[in-house]
ModelCIF file with pLDDT and N, C-alpha, C, O atoms, coordinates in Angstrom:
data_MODEL
#
_entry.id   MODEL 
#
_entity.id                         1 
_entity.type                       polymer 
_entity.pdbx_number_of_molecules   1 
#
_entity_poly.entity_id                      1 
_entity_poly.type                           'polypeptide(L)' 
_entity_poly.nstd_linkage                   no 
_entity_poly.nstd_monomer                   no 
_entity_poly.pdbx_seq_one_letter_code       
;(UNK)(UNK)(UNK)(UNK)(UNK)(UNK)(UNK)(UNK)(UNK)(UNK)(UNK)(UNK)(UNK)(UNK)(UNK)(UNK)
(UNK)(UNK)(UNK)(UNK)(UNK)(UNK)(UNK)(UNK)(UNK)(UNK)(UNK)(UNK)(UNK)(UNK)(UNK)(UNK)
(UNK)(UNK)(UNK)
;
_entity_poly.pdbx_seq_one_letter_code_can   XXXXXXXXXXXXXXXXXXXXXXXXXXXXXXXXXXX 
_entity_poly.pdbx_strand_id                 A 
#
loop_
_entity_poly_seq.entity_id 
_entity_poly_seq.num 
_entity_poly_seq.mon_id 
_entity_poly_seq.hetero 
1 1  UNK n 
1 2  UNK n 
1 3  UNK n 
1 4  UNK n 
1 5  UNK n 
1 6  UNK n 
1 7  UNK n 
1 8  UNK n 
1 9  UNK n 
1 10 UNK n 
1 11 UNK n 
1 12 UNK n 
1 13 UNK n 
1 14 UNK n 
1 15 UNK n 
1 16 UNK n 
1 17 UNK n 
1 18 UNK n 
1 19 UNK n 
1 20 UNK n 
1 21 UNK n 
1 22 UNK n 
1 23 UNK n 
1 24 UNK n 
1 25 UNK n 
1 26 UNK n 
1 27 UNK n 
1 28 UNK n 
1 29 UNK n 
1 30 UNK n 
1 31 UNK n 
1 32 UNK n 
1 33 UNK n 
1 34 UNK n 
1 35 UNK n 
#
_struct_asym.id          A 
_struct_asym.entity_id   1 
#
loop_
_ma_qa_metric.id 
_ma_qa_metric.mode 
_ma_qa_metric.name 
_ma_qa_metric.software_group_id 
_ma_qa_metric.type 
1 global pLDDT . pLDDT 
2 local  pLDDT . pLDDT 
#
_ma_qa_metric_global.metric_id      1 
_ma_qa_metric_global.metric_value   91.74 
_ma_qa_metric_global.model_id       1 
_ma_qa_metric_global.ordinal_id     1 
#
loop_
_ma_qa_metric_local.label_asym_id 
_ma_qa_metric_local.label_comp_id 
_ma_qa_metric_local.label_seq_id 
_ma_qa_metric_local.metric_id 
_ma_qa_metric_local.metric_value 
_ma_qa_metric_local.model_id 
_ma_qa_metric_local.ordinal_id 
A UNK 1  2 88.00 1 1  
A UNK 2  2 89.00 1 2  
A UNK 3  2 86.00 1 3  
A UNK 4  2 85.00 1 4  
A UNK 5  2 88.00 1 5  
A UNK 6  2 88.00 1 6  
A UNK 7  2 86.00 1 7  
A UNK 8  2 87.00 1 8  
A UNK 9  2 89.00 1 9  
A UNK 10 2 88.00 1 10 
A UNK 11 2 92.00 1 11 
A UNK 12 2 94.00 1 12 
A UNK 13 2 92.00 1 13 
A UNK 14 2 88.00 1 14 
A UNK 15 2 89.00 1 15 
A UNK 16 2 88.00 1 16 
A UNK 17 2 93.00 1 17 
A UNK 18 2 95.00 1 18 
A UNK 19 2 94.00 1 19 
A UNK 20 2 96.00 1 20 
A UNK 21 2 96.00 1 21 
A UNK 22 2 94.00 1 22 
A UNK 23 2 96.00 1 23 
A UNK 24 2 97.00 1 24 
A UNK 25 2 96.00 1 25 
A UNK 26 2 94.00 1 26 
A UNK 27 2 96.00 1 27 
A UNK 28 2 97.00 1 28 
A UNK 29 2 95.00 1 29 
A UNK 30 2 94.00 1 30 
A UNK 31 2 95.00 1 31 
A UNK 32 2 95.00 1 32 
A UNK 33 2 89.00 1 33 
A UNK 34 2 91.00 1 34 
A UNK 35 2 91.00 1 35 
#
loop_
_atom_site.group_PDB 
_atom_site.id 
_atom_site.type_symbol 
_atom_site.label_atom_id 
_atom_site.label_alt_id 
_atom_site.label_comp_id 
_atom_site.label_asym_id 
_atom_site.label_entity_id 
_atom_site.label_seq_id 
_atom_site.pdbx_PDB_ins_code 
_atom_site.Cartn_x 
_atom_site.Cartn_y 
_atom_site.Cartn_z 
_atom_site.occupancy 
_atom_site.B_iso_or_equiv 
_atom_site.pdbx_formal_charge 
_atom_site.auth_seq_id 
_atom_site.auth_comp_id 
_atom_site.auth_asym_id 
_atom_site.auth_atom_id 
_atom_site.pdbx_PDB_model_num 
ATOM 1   N N  . UNK A 1 1  ? -19.288 19.285 10.579  1.00 88.00 ? 1  UNK A N  1 
ATOM 2   C CA . UNK A 1 1  ? -19.186 21.175 11.884  1.00 88.00 ? 1  UNK A CA 1 
ATOM 3   C C  . UNK A 1 1  ? -17.856 20.949 12.473  1.00 88.00 ? 1  UNK A C  1 
ATOM 4   O O  . UNK A 1 1  ? -16.823 21.500 12.091  1.00 88.00 ? 1  UNK A O  1 
ATOM 5   N N  . UNK A 1 2  ? -18.001 19.756 13.818  1.00 89.00 ? 2  UNK A N  1 
ATOM 6   C CA . UNK A 1 2  ? -16.615 19.924 14.280  1.00 89.00 ? 2  UNK A CA 1 
ATOM 7   C C  . UNK A 1 2  ? -14.724 18.959 13.375  1.00 89.00 ? 2  UNK A C  1 
ATOM 8   O O  . UNK A 1 2  ? -14.244 17.899 13.775  1.00 89.00 ? 2  UNK A O  1 
ATOM 9   N N  . UNK A 1 3  ? -14.373 19.501 12.649  1.00 86.00 ? 3  UNK A N  1 
ATOM 10  C CA . UNK A 1 3  ? -13.474 18.114 12.153  1.00 86.00 ? 3  UNK A CA 1 
ATOM 11  C C  . UNK A 1 3  ? -13.099 16.979 13.301  1.00 86.00 ? 3  UNK A C  1 
ATOM 12  O O  . UNK A 1 3  ? -13.258 17.067 14.518  1.00 86.00 ? 3  UNK A O  1 
ATOM 13  N N  . UNK A 1 4  ? -12.679 16.144 12.708  1.00 85.00 ? 4  UNK A N  1 
ATOM 14  C CA . UNK A 1 4  ? -12.372 15.256 13.043  1.00 85.00 ? 4  UNK A CA 1 
ATOM 15  C C  . UNK A 1 4  ? -10.838 15.216 13.703  1.00 85.00 ? 4  UNK A C  1 
ATOM 16  O O  . UNK A 1 4  ? -9.956  15.080 12.856  1.00 85.00 ? 4  UNK A O  1 
ATOM 17  N N  . UNK A 1 5  ? -10.468 15.297 14.841  1.00 88.00 ? 5  UNK A N  1 
ATOM 18  C CA . UNK A 1 5  ? -8.910  15.661 15.259  1.00 88.00 ? 5  UNK A CA 1 
ATOM 19  C C  . UNK A 1 5  ? -7.868  15.337 14.505  1.00 88.00 ? 5  UNK A C  1 
ATOM 20  O O  . UNK A 1 5  ? -6.801  15.726 14.980  1.00 88.00 ? 5  UNK A O  1 
ATOM 21  N N  . UNK A 1 6  ? -7.750  14.412 12.883  1.00 88.00 ? 6  UNK A N  1 
ATOM 22  C CA . UNK A 1 6  ? -7.001  13.627 12.095  1.00 88.00 ? 6  UNK A CA 1 
ATOM 23  C C  . UNK A 1 6  ? -6.919  14.121 11.567  1.00 88.00 ? 6  UNK A C  1 
ATOM 24  O O  . UNK A 1 6  ? -5.812  14.229 11.038  1.00 88.00 ? 6  UNK A O  1 
ATOM 25  N N  . UNK A 1 7  ? -8.231  15.113 11.069  1.00 86.00 ? 7  UNK A N  1 
ATOM 26  C CA . UNK A 1 7  ? -8.638  16.339 9.897   1.00 86.00 ? 7  UNK A CA 1 
ATOM 27  C C  . UNK A 1 7  ? -7.565  17.618 10.286  1.00 86.00 ? 7  UNK A C  1 
ATOM 28  O O  . UNK A 1 7  ? -6.763  18.218 9.569   1.00 86.00 ? 7  UNK A O  1 
ATOM 29  N N  . UNK A 1 8  ? -7.886  17.764 11.665  1.00 87.00 ? 8  UNK A N  1 
ATOM 30  C CA . UNK A 1 8  ? -7.069  18.824 11.595  1.00 87.00 ? 8  UNK A CA 1 
ATOM 31  C C  . UNK A 1 8  ? -5.560  18.787 11.892  1.00 87.00 ? 8  UNK A C  1 
ATOM 32  O O  . UNK A 1 8  ? -4.708  19.673 11.834  1.00 87.00 ? 8  UNK A O  1 
ATOM 33  N N  . UNK A 1 9  ? -5.488  17.362 12.259  1.00 89.00 ? 9  UNK A N  1 
ATOM 34  C CA . UNK A 1 9  ? -3.484  17.566 12.333  1.00 89.00 ? 9  UNK A CA 1 
ATOM 35  C C  . UNK A 1 9  ? -3.661  17.129 10.992  1.00 89.00 ? 9  UNK A C  1 
ATOM 36  O O  . UNK A 1 9  ? -2.515  16.697 10.863  1.00 89.00 ? 9  UNK A O  1 
ATOM 37  N N  . UNK A 1 10 ? -4.243  16.878 9.784   1.00 88.00 ? 10 UNK A N  1 
ATOM 38  C CA . UNK A 1 10 ? -3.097  17.344 9.026   1.00 88.00 ? 10 UNK A CA 1 
ATOM 39  C C  . UNK A 1 10 ? -3.843  18.494 8.600   1.00 88.00 ? 10 UNK A C  1 
ATOM 40  O O  . UNK A 1 10 ? -4.743  18.319 7.778   1.00 88.00 ? 10 UNK A O  1 
ATOM 41  N N  . UNK A 1 11 ? -3.619  19.550 9.002   1.00 92.00 ? 11 UNK A N  1 
ATOM 42  C CA . UNK A 1 11 ? -4.724  20.856 8.079   1.00 92.00 ? 11 UNK A CA 1 
ATOM 43  C C  . UNK A 1 11 ? -2.935  21.625 8.754   1.00 92.00 ? 11 UNK A C  1 
ATOM 44  O O  . UNK A 1 11 ? -1.977  21.165 9.375   1.00 92.00 ? 11 UNK A O  1 
ATOM 45  N N  . UNK A 1 12 ? -3.450  23.480 7.941   1.00 94.00 ? 12 UNK A N  1 
ATOM 46  C CA . UNK A 1 12 ? -2.610  24.341 7.903   1.00 94.00 ? 12 UNK A CA 1 
ATOM 47  C C  . UNK A 1 12 ? -2.948  25.800 8.156   1.00 94.00 ? 12 UNK A C  1 
ATOM 48  O O  . UNK A 1 12 ? -3.762  26.501 7.555   1.00 94.00 ? 12 UNK A O  1 
ATOM 49  N N  . UNK A 1 13 ? -2.301  26.050 8.981   1.00 92.00 ? 13 UNK A N  1 
ATOM 50  C CA . UNK A 1 13 ? -3.198  27.437 9.749   1.00 92.00 ? 13 UNK A CA 1 
ATOM 51  C C  . UNK A 1 13 ? -2.401  28.942 8.026   1.00 92.00 ? 13 UNK A C  1 
ATOM 52  O O  . UNK A 1 13 ? -1.419  29.294 7.373   1.00 92.00 ? 13 UNK A O  1 
ATOM 53  N N  . UNK A 1 14 ? -3.463  29.095 8.210   1.00 88.00 ? 14 UNK A N  1 
ATOM 54  C CA . UNK A 1 14 ? -3.035  30.958 7.040   1.00 88.00 ? 14 UNK A CA 1 
ATOM 55  C C  . UNK A 1 14 ? -1.886  31.394 7.661   1.00 88.00 ? 14 UNK A C  1 
ATOM 56  O O  . UNK A 1 14 ? -1.946  31.888 8.787   1.00 88.00 ? 14 UNK A O  1 
ATOM 57  N N  . UNK A 1 15 ? -0.521  31.233 6.879   1.00 89.00 ? 15 UNK A N  1 
ATOM 58  C CA . UNK A 1 15 ? -0.303  33.052 6.937   1.00 89.00 ? 15 UNK A CA 1 
ATOM 59  C C  . UNK A 1 15 ? 0.361   33.440 6.668   1.00 89.00 ? 15 UNK A C  1 
ATOM 60  O O  . UNK A 1 15 ? 1.132   32.607 6.192   1.00 89.00 ? 15 UNK A O  1 
ATOM 61  N N  . UNK A 1 16 ? 0.983   35.035 6.573   1.00 88.00 ? 16 UNK A N  1 
ATOM 62  C CA . UNK A 1 16 ? 1.081   36.006 5.683   1.00 88.00 ? 16 UNK A CA 1 
ATOM 63  C C  . UNK A 1 16 ? 1.607   35.877 4.610   1.00 88.00 ? 16 UNK A C  1 
ATOM 64  O O  . UNK A 1 16 ? 2.411   34.944 4.611   1.00 88.00 ? 16 UNK A O  1 
ATOM 65  N N  . UNK A 1 17 ? 1.493   36.561 3.380   1.00 93.00 ? 17 UNK A N  1 
ATOM 66  C CA . UNK A 1 17 ? 2.310   35.539 2.193   1.00 93.00 ? 17 UNK A CA 1 
ATOM 67  C C  . UNK A 1 17 ? 3.152   37.370 1.676   1.00 93.00 ? 17 UNK A C  1 
ATOM 68  O O  . UNK A 1 17 ? 2.906   38.543 1.961   1.00 93.00 ? 17 UNK A O  1 
ATOM 69  N N  . UNK A 1 18 ? 4.136   36.675 0.850   1.00 95.00 ? 18 UNK A N  1 
ATOM 70  C CA . UNK A 1 18 ? 5.516   37.933 1.036   1.00 95.00 ? 18 UNK A CA 1 
ATOM 71  C C  . UNK A 1 18 ? 4.532   38.931 -0.194  1.00 95.00 ? 18 UNK A C  1 
ATOM 72  O O  . UNK A 1 18 ? 3.441   38.498 -0.565  1.00 95.00 ? 18 UNK A O  1 
ATOM 73  N N  . UNK A 1 19 ? 4.939   39.920 -0.589  1.00 94.00 ? 19 UNK A N  1 
ATOM 74  C CA . UNK A 1 19 ? 4.406   40.749 -1.861  1.00 94.00 ? 19 UNK A CA 1 
ATOM 75  C C  . UNK A 1 19 ? 4.416   40.085 -2.938  1.00 94.00 ? 19 UNK A C  1 
ATOM 76  O O  . UNK A 1 19 ? 3.306   39.675 -3.276  1.00 94.00 ? 19 UNK A O  1 
ATOM 77  N N  . UNK A 1 20 ? 5.483   39.763 -3.771  1.00 96.00 ? 20 UNK A N  1 
ATOM 78  C CA . UNK A 1 20 ? 6.052   38.584 -4.357  1.00 96.00 ? 20 UNK A CA 1 
ATOM 79  C C  . UNK A 1 20 ? 4.832   37.417 -4.429  1.00 96.00 ? 20 UNK A C  1 
ATOM 80  O O  . UNK A 1 20 ? 3.985   37.122 -5.272  1.00 96.00 ? 20 UNK A O  1 
ATOM 81  N N  . UNK A 1 21 ? 5.030   37.144 -3.707  1.00 96.00 ? 21 UNK A N  1 
ATOM 82  C CA . UNK A 1 21 ? 3.976   35.854 -4.260  1.00 96.00 ? 21 UNK A CA 1 
ATOM 83  C C  . UNK A 1 21 ? 2.546   36.691 -4.484  1.00 96.00 ? 21 UNK A C  1 
ATOM 84  O O  . UNK A 1 21 ? 2.122   36.524 -5.627  1.00 96.00 ? 21 UNK A O  1 
ATOM 85  N N  . UNK A 1 22 ? 1.906   37.348 -3.852  1.00 94.00 ? 22 UNK A N  1 
ATOM 86  C CA . UNK A 1 22 ? 0.239   37.653 -3.594  1.00 94.00 ? 22 UNK A CA 1 
ATOM 87  C C  . UNK A 1 22 ? 0.265   37.720 -5.643  1.00 94.00 ? 22 UNK A C  1 
ATOM 88  O O  . UNK A 1 22 ? -0.258  37.023 -6.513  1.00 94.00 ? 22 UNK A O  1 
ATOM 89  N N  . UNK A 1 23 ? 1.148   38.915 -5.657  1.00 96.00 ? 23 UNK A N  1 
ATOM 90  C CA . UNK A 1 23 ? 1.508   39.361 -7.091  1.00 96.00 ? 23 UNK A CA 1 
ATOM 91  C C  . UNK A 1 23 ? 1.586   38.067 -7.791  1.00 96.00 ? 23 UNK A C  1 
ATOM 92  O O  . UNK A 1 23 ? 1.240   38.188 -8.967  1.00 96.00 ? 23 UNK A O  1 
ATOM 93  N N  . UNK A 1 24 ? 1.866   37.072 -7.519  1.00 97.00 ? 24 UNK A N  1 
ATOM 94  C CA . UNK A 1 24 ? 2.427   35.822 -8.564  1.00 97.00 ? 24 UNK A CA 1 
ATOM 95  C C  . UNK A 1 24 ? 1.247   35.080 -9.162  1.00 97.00 ? 24 UNK A C  1 
ATOM 96  O O  . UNK A 1 24 ? 0.929   34.763 -10.308 1.00 97.00 ? 24 UNK A O  1 
ATOM 97  N N  . UNK A 1 25 ? 0.514   34.862 -7.499  1.00 96.00 ? 25 UNK A N  1 
ATOM 98  C CA . UNK A 1 25 ? -0.484  34.800 -6.919  1.00 96.00 ? 25 UNK A CA 1 
ATOM 99  C C  . UNK A 1 25 ? -1.994  35.288 -7.591  1.00 96.00 ? 25 UNK A C  1 
ATOM 100 O O  . UNK A 1 25 ? -3.042  34.655 -7.721  1.00 96.00 ? 25 UNK A O  1 
ATOM 101 N N  . UNK A 1 26 ? -1.528  37.093 -8.062  1.00 94.00 ? 26 UNK A N  1 
ATOM 102 C CA . UNK A 1 26 ? -3.212  37.290 -8.883  1.00 94.00 ? 26 UNK A CA 1 
ATOM 103 C C  . UNK A 1 26 ? -2.191  37.666 -10.252 1.00 94.00 ? 26 UNK A C  1 
ATOM 104 O O  . UNK A 1 26 ? -2.364  38.619 -11.012 1.00 94.00 ? 26 UNK A O  1 
ATOM 105 N N  . UNK A 1 27 ? -1.764  37.270 -10.283 1.00 96.00 ? 27 UNK A N  1 
ATOM 106 C CA . UNK A 1 27 ? -1.183  37.412 -12.001 1.00 96.00 ? 27 UNK A CA 1 
ATOM 107 C C  . UNK A 1 27 ? -1.781  36.245 -12.396 1.00 96.00 ? 27 UNK A C  1 
ATOM 108 O O  . UNK A 1 27 ? -2.641  36.332 -13.273 1.00 96.00 ? 27 UNK A O  1 
ATOM 109 N N  . UNK A 1 28 ? -1.395  34.691 -11.737 1.00 97.00 ? 28 UNK A N  1 
ATOM 110 C CA . UNK A 1 28 ? -1.960  33.319 -12.318 1.00 97.00 ? 28 UNK A CA 1 
ATOM 111 C C  . UNK A 1 28 ? -3.903  33.247 -12.322 1.00 97.00 ? 28 UNK A C  1 
ATOM 112 O O  . UNK A 1 28 ? -4.514  32.731 -13.258 1.00 97.00 ? 28 UNK A O  1 
ATOM 113 N N  . UNK A 1 29 ? -4.572  33.844 -11.149 1.00 95.00 ? 29 UNK A N  1 
ATOM 114 C CA . UNK A 1 29 ? -5.449  34.356 -11.443 1.00 95.00 ? 29 UNK A CA 1 
ATOM 115 C C  . UNK A 1 29 ? -6.476  35.143 -12.995 1.00 95.00 ? 29 UNK A C  1 
ATOM 116 O O  . UNK A 1 29 ? -7.452  34.921 -13.712 1.00 95.00 ? 29 UNK A O  1 
ATOM 117 N N  . UNK A 1 30 ? -5.357  36.149 -12.756 1.00 94.00 ? 30 UNK A N  1 
ATOM 118 C CA . UNK A 1 30 ? -6.358  36.322 -14.355 1.00 94.00 ? 30 UNK A CA 1 
ATOM 119 C C  . UNK A 1 30 ? -5.847  35.842 -14.877 1.00 94.00 ? 30 UNK A C  1 
ATOM 120 O O  . UNK A 1 30 ? -6.847  35.339 -15.390 1.00 94.00 ? 30 UNK A O  1 
ATOM 121 N N  . UNK A 1 31 ? -4.730  35.177 -15.609 1.00 95.00 ? 31 UNK A N  1 
ATOM 122 C CA . UNK A 1 31 ? -4.489  34.419 -16.550 1.00 95.00 ? 31 UNK A CA 1 
ATOM 123 C C  . UNK A 1 31 ? -5.483  33.430 -16.823 1.00 95.00 ? 31 UNK A C  1 
ATOM 124 O O  . UNK A 1 31 ? -5.987  33.099 -17.896 1.00 95.00 ? 31 UNK A O  1 
ATOM 125 N N  . UNK A 1 32 ? -5.693  32.975 -15.537 1.00 95.00 ? 32 UNK A N  1 
ATOM 126 C CA . UNK A 1 32 ? -7.590  31.688 -15.444 1.00 95.00 ? 32 UNK A CA 1 
ATOM 127 C C  . UNK A 1 32 ? -8.320  32.182 -16.070 1.00 95.00 ? 32 UNK A C  1 
ATOM 128 O O  . UNK A 1 32 ? -8.822  31.695 -17.083 1.00 95.00 ? 32 UNK A O  1 
ATOM 129 N N  . UNK A 1 33 ? -8.529  33.184 -15.641 1.00 89.00 ? 33 UNK A N  1 
ATOM 130 C CA . UNK A 1 33 ? -10.053 34.428 -15.725 1.00 89.00 ? 33 UNK A CA 1 
ATOM 131 C C  . UNK A 1 33 ? -9.202  34.610 -17.798 1.00 89.00 ? 33 UNK A C  1 
ATOM 132 O O  . UNK A 1 33 ? -10.010 34.431 -18.709 1.00 89.00 ? 33 UNK A O  1 
ATOM 133 N N  . UNK A 1 34 ? -8.260  34.815 -18.044 1.00 91.00 ? 34 UNK A N  1 
ATOM 134 C CA . UNK A 1 34 ? -8.447  35.142 -19.677 1.00 91.00 ? 34 UNK A CA 1 
ATOM 135 C C  . UNK A 1 34 ? -9.062  34.117 -20.961 1.00 91.00 ? 34 UNK A C  1 
ATOM 136 O O  . UNK A 1 34 ? -9.773  34.125 -21.966 1.00 91.00 ? 34 UNK A O  1 
ATOM 137 N N  . UNK A 1 35 ? -7.806  32.844 -19.692 1.00 91.00 ? 35 UNK A N  1 
ATOM 138 C CA . UNK A 1 35 ? -8.089  31.291 -20.465 1.00 91.00 ? 35 UNK A CA 1 
ATOM 139 C C  . UNK A 1 35 ? -9.416  30.653 -20.962 1.00 91.00 ? 35 UNK A C  1 
ATOM 140 O O  . UNK A 1 35 ? -9.407  29.539 -21.485 1.00 91.00 ? 35 UNK A O  1 
#
């Protein structure tokens, strides 16, 4: 439930992605679905 400090120390926070990155990621997900 409460992650250990050493786990949190290696964790990353979510940040806003660029529009191009979001579009590329969605194309990848769509491609995976088709495969």
